C-alpha atoms as a PDB file:
ATOM      1  CA  MET A   1     -17.819 -35.935 -17.028  1.00  0.00           C
ATOM      2  CA  GLN A   2     -14.254 -35.395 -18.229  1.00  0.00           C
ATOM      3  CA  ARG A   3     -14.704 -31.592 -18.033  1.00  0.00           C
ATOM      4  CA  ALA A   4     -15.908 -31.779 -14.439  1.00  0.00           C
ATOM      5  CA  ARG A   5     -12.956 -33.954 -13.430  1.00  0.00           C
ATOM      6  CA  VAL A   6     -10.448 -31.607 -15.067  1.00  0.00           C
ATOM      7  CA  GLY A   7     -12.109 -28.593 -13.469  1.00  0.00           C
ATOM      8  CA  LEU A   8     -12.133 -30.108 -10.001  1.00  0.00           C
ATOM      9  CA  THR A   9      -8.537 -31.272 -10.390  1.00  0.00           C
ATOM     10  CA  GLY A  10      -7.503 -27.749 -11.350  1.00  0.00           C
ATOM     11  CA  LEU A  11      -9.411 -26.296  -8.414  1.00  0.00           C
ATOM     12  CA  ALA A  12      -7.737 -28.756  -6.061  1.00  0.00           C
ATOM     13  CA  ALA A  13      -4.321 -27.889  -7.495  1.00  0.00           C
ATOM     14  CA  VAL A  14      -4.905 -24.166  -6.951  1.00  0.00           C
ATOM     15  CA  GLY A  15      -6.047 -24.824  -3.400  1.00  0.00           C
ATOM     16  CA  LEU A  16      -2.939 -26.901  -2.740  1.00  0.00           C
ATOM     17  CA  VAL A  17      -0.685 -24.141  -4.077  1.00  0.00           C
ATOM     18  CA  VAL A  18      -2.417 -21.575  -1.865  1.00  0.00           C
ATOM     19  CA  MET A  19      -2.020 -23.775   1.212  1.00  0.00           C
ATOM     20  CA  ILE A  20       1.687 -24.345   0.501  1.00  0.00           C
ATOM     21  CA  ALA A  21       2.266 -20.615  -0.025  1.00  0.00           C
ATOM     22  CA  THR A  22       0.487 -19.828   3.235  1.00  0.00           C
ATOM     23  CA  ALA A  23       2.587 -22.361   5.120  1.00  0.00           C
ATOM     24  CA  VAL A  24       5.812 -20.941   3.683  1.00  0.00           C
ATOM     25  CA  ALA A  25       4.812 -17.343   4.439  1.00  0.00           C
ATOM     26  CA  THR A  26       3.829 -18.244   8.001  1.00  0.00           C
ATOM     27  CA  GLY A  27       7.122 -20.042   8.535  1.00  0.00           C
ATOM     28  CA  VAL A  28       9.123 -17.090   7.241  1.00  0.00           C
ATOM     29  CA  ARG A  29       7.170 -14.659   9.402  1.00  0.00           C
ATOM     30  CA  ARG A  30       7.606 -16.870  12.463  1.00  0.00           C
ATOM     31  CA  SER A  31      11.359 -17.302  11.948  1.00  0.00           C
ATOM     32  CA  ALA A  32      11.831 -13.565  11.378  1.00  0.00           C
ATOM     33  CA  THR A  33      10.017 -12.824  14.639  1.00  0.00           C
ATOM     34  CA  GLU A  34      12.078 -15.393  16.529  1.00  0.00           C
ATOM     35  CA  ASN A  35      15.332 -14.034  15.083  1.00  0.00           C
ATOM     36  CA  ALA A  36      14.423 -10.479  16.042  1.00  0.00           C
ATOM     37  CA  ALA A  37      13.535 -11.591  19.569  1.00  0.00           C
ATOM     38  CA  ALA A  38      16.793 -13.526  19.907  1.00  0.00           C
ATOM     39  CA  VAL A  39      18.864 -10.550  18.797  1.00  0.00           C
ATOM     40  CA  GLY A  40      16.963  -8.220  21.071  1.00  0.00           C
ATOM     41  CA  ALA A  41      15.986  -5.814  18.352  1.00  0.00           C
ATOM     42  CA  PRO A  42      13.300  -3.335  19.335  1.00  0.00           C
ATOM     43  CA  PRO A  43       9.954  -3.704  17.614  1.00  0.00           C
ATOM     44  CA  VAL A  44       9.498  -1.620  14.510  1.00  0.00           C
ATOM     45  CA  VAL A  45       6.921   1.108  14.958  1.00  0.00           C
ATOM     46  CA  ALA A  46       5.821   3.381  12.161  1.00  0.00           C
ATOM     47  CA  THR A  47       5.778   7.053  12.991  1.00  0.00           C
ATOM     48  CA  VAL A  48       3.604   9.342  10.990  1.00  0.00           C
ATOM     49  CA  THR A  49       3.651  13.067  11.402  1.00  0.00           C
ATOM     50  CA  ALA A  50       0.549  15.024  10.612  1.00  0.00           C
ATOM     51  CA  PRO A  51       1.003  17.732   7.992  1.00  0.00           C
ATOM     52  CA  VAL A  52       0.685  21.291   9.132  1.00  0.00           C
ATOM     53  CA  THR A  53      -2.718  22.563   8.130  1.00  0.00           C
ATOM     54  CA  ASP A  54      -3.614  26.179   7.671  1.00  0.00           C
ATOM     55  CA  ASP A  55      -7.348  25.416   7.420  1.00  0.00           C
ATOM     56  CA  SER A  56      -7.469  26.605   3.832  1.00  0.00           C
ATOM     57  CA  SER A  57     -10.458  25.792   1.727  1.00  0.00           C
ATOM     58  CA  GLU A  58      -8.301  24.137  -0.939  1.00  0.00           C
ATOM     59  CA  PRO A  59      -7.193  20.690   0.200  1.00  0.00           C
ATOM     60  CA  LEU A  60      -5.552  19.837  -3.141  1.00  0.00           C
ATOM     61  CA  ALA A  61      -3.343  22.911  -2.911  1.00  0.00           C
ATOM     62  CA  THR A  62      -2.444  21.941   0.644  1.00  0.00           C
ATOM     63  CA  LEU A  63      -1.343  18.516  -0.571  1.00  0.00           C
ATOM     64  CA  GLY A  64       0.650  20.116  -3.366  1.00  0.00           C
ATOM     65  CA  VAL A  65      -1.188  18.496  -6.260  1.00  0.00           C
ATOM     66  CA  ALA A  66      -2.919  21.643  -7.486  1.00  0.00           C
ATOM     67  CA  PRO A  67      -1.738  25.246  -7.628  1.00  0.00           C
ATOM     68  CA  ASP A  68      -2.960  27.567  -4.931  1.00  0.00           C
ATOM     69  CA  SER A  69      -5.459  30.126  -6.226  1.00  0.00           C
ATOM     70  CA  LYS A  70      -3.812  32.790  -4.079  1.00  0.00           C
ATOM     71  CA  ASP A  71      -0.611  32.375  -6.067  1.00  0.00           C
ATOM     72  CA  ASN A  72      -1.225  34.397  -9.233  1.00  0.00           C
ATOM     73  CA  SER A  73       2.353  34.162 -10.523  1.00  0.00           C
ATOM     74  CA  THR A  74       1.806  30.671 -12.009  1.00  0.00           C
ATOM     75  CA  GLN A  75      -1.337  31.589 -13.934  1.00  0.00           C
ATOM     76  CA  SER A  76      -0.952  32.248 -17.625  1.00  0.00           C
ATOM     77  CA  PRO A  77      -1.924  35.689 -18.899  1.00  0.00           C
ATOM     78  CA  LYS A  78      -5.312  36.075 -20.519  1.00  0.00           C
ATOM     79  CA  PRO A  79      -5.134  36.149 -24.323  1.00  0.00           C
ATOM     80  CA  THR A  80      -5.992  39.381 -26.082  1.00  0.00           C
ATOM     81  CA  ASN A  81      -8.053  39.302 -29.254  1.00  0.00           C
END
């Protein structure tokens, strides 16, 4: 019975902490919105530009995370035996 009480008390404590954190975060968000509206600041809008695609068949090379197979200058020479 003692284990169940300790477990439920811990669960209640975690729930209380989550509720307090949510209330604080909501209050901060609300005050930031009110301050921005009072100042007359324009809303922040993210702008994303699409990368230029050349319709190549190598998407990793287009992203720049893998060398392009058309570029032979970065390939190491084949070893001779």
